Amino acid sequence: MTALLSFLSGNPAILGVLASLIAALGWGFHQRLAGAEVERDRQAASEASARDVADQVDNDIGALPAGAVKKELKSWARD
């Protein structure tokens, strides 16, 4: 085992290949995490805008008189 480790640590070509492989894996992992963060931010912004629209609709419905709400809801009712 010691001979194998000594050979690997003493050979610059193998060290370079291993270092490149570790760097590539680290970079790929970093990119994956960055992409996931961007997607979470995009979804949060989309949900916030949908919540704004839902609040606007709730406010508009709350401002209508009861008779107008009943009439409006009849058009949405399924038979």
Protein backbone atom coordinates (compact mmCIF):
# COMPACT_ATOMS: atom_id res chain seq x y z
CA MET A 1 0.00 0.00 0.00
CA THR A 2 2.80 2.40 0.89
CA ALA A 3 4.54 1.66 -2.37
CA LEU A 4 1.38 2.46 -4.33
CA LEU A 5 0.85 5.75 -2.50
CA SER A 6 4.51 6.63 -2.94
CA PHE A 7 4.28 5.94 -6.67
CA LEU A 8 1.10 8.00 -7.07
CA SER A 9 2.38 10.96 -5.07
CA GLY A 10 5.76 10.90 -6.81
CA ASN A 11 4.44 10.90 -10.36
CA PRO A 12 3.53 14.44 -11.50
CA ALA A 13 1.45 13.24 -14.46
CA ILE A 14 -0.82 11.14 -12.25
CA LEU A 15 -1.06 13.95 -9.70
CA GLY A 16 -2.05 16.37 -12.46
CA VAL A 17 -4.73 14.04 -13.80
CA LEU A 18 -6.15 13.41 -10.32
CA ALA A 19 -6.11 17.13 -9.50
CA SER A 20 -7.88 17.91 -12.78
CA LEU A 21 -10.50 15.25 -12.10
CA ILE A 22 -11.16 16.56 -8.59
CA ALA A 23 -11.36 20.15 -9.88
CA ALA A 24 -13.80 19.16 -12.63
CA LEU A 25 -16.02 17.31 -10.17
CA GLY A 26 -15.95 20.26 -7.76
CA TRP A 27 -16.80 22.72 -10.54
CA GLY A 28 -19.66 20.53 -11.76
CA PHE A 29 -21.07 20.25 -8.24
CA HIS A 30 -20.82 24.02 -7.80
CA GLN A 31 -22.63 24.64 -11.10
CA ARG A 32 -25.39 22.22 -10.13
CA LEU A 33 -25.95 24.02 -6.83
CA ALA A 34 -25.95 27.41 -8.56
CA GLY A 35 -28.54 26.21 -11.07
CA ALA A 36 -30.75 24.90 -8.29
CA GLU A 37 -30.55 28.24 -6.50
CA VAL A 38 -31.50 30.14 -9.66
CA GLU A 39 -34.49 27.82 -10.18
CA ARG A 40 -35.66 28.30 -6.57
CA ASP A 41 -35.41 32.09 -6.99
CA ARG A 42 -37.35 31.95 -10.26
CA GLN A 43 -40.12 29.87 -8.70
CA ALA A 44 -40.30 32.14 -5.65
CA ALA A 45 -40.71 35.19 -7.90
CA SER A 46 -43.41 33.41 -9.90
CA GLU A 47 -45.28 32.41 -6.75
CA ALA A 48 -45.03 35.96 -5.39
CA SER A 49 -46.54 37.42 -8.55
CA ALA A 50 -49.31 34.80 -8.50
CA ARG A 51 -50.00 35.68 -4.86
CA ASP A 52 -50.22 39.37 -5.82
CA VAL A 53 -52.80 38.57 -8.50
CA ALA A 54 -54.78 36.39 -6.07
CA ASP A 55 -54.76 39.19 -3.48
CA GLN A 56 -55.92 41.67 -6.11
CA VAL A 57 -58.82 39.38 -7.07
CA ASP A 58 -59.76 38.90 -3.41
CA ASN A 59 -59.75 42.66 -2.91
CA ASP A 60 -61.87 43.22 -6.02
CA ILE A 61 -64.41 40.61 -4.92
CA GLY A 62 -64.52 42.05 -1.42
CA ALA A 63 -65.36 45.48 -2.83
CA LEU A 64 -68.41 44.21 -4.76
CA PRO A 65 -71.87 44.28 -3.23
CA ALA A 66 -73.37 40.91 -2.25
CA GLY A 67 -75.83 40.83 -5.16
CA ALA A 68 -73.09 41.44 -7.72
CA VAL A 69 -70.92 38.71 -6.18
CA LYS A 70 -73.79 36.23 -6.33
CA LYS A 71 -74.46 37.11 -9.97
CA GLU A 72 -70.77 36.82 -10.86
CA LEU A 73 -70.42 33.46 -9.10
CA LYS A 74 -73.39 32.04 -10.99
CA SER A 75 -71.46 32.42 -14.24
CA TRP A 76 -68.64 30.33 -12.79
CA ALA A 77 -70.81 27.58 -11.30
CA ARG A 78 -70.77 24.18 -12.97
CA ASP A 79 -74.06 22.48 -13.70
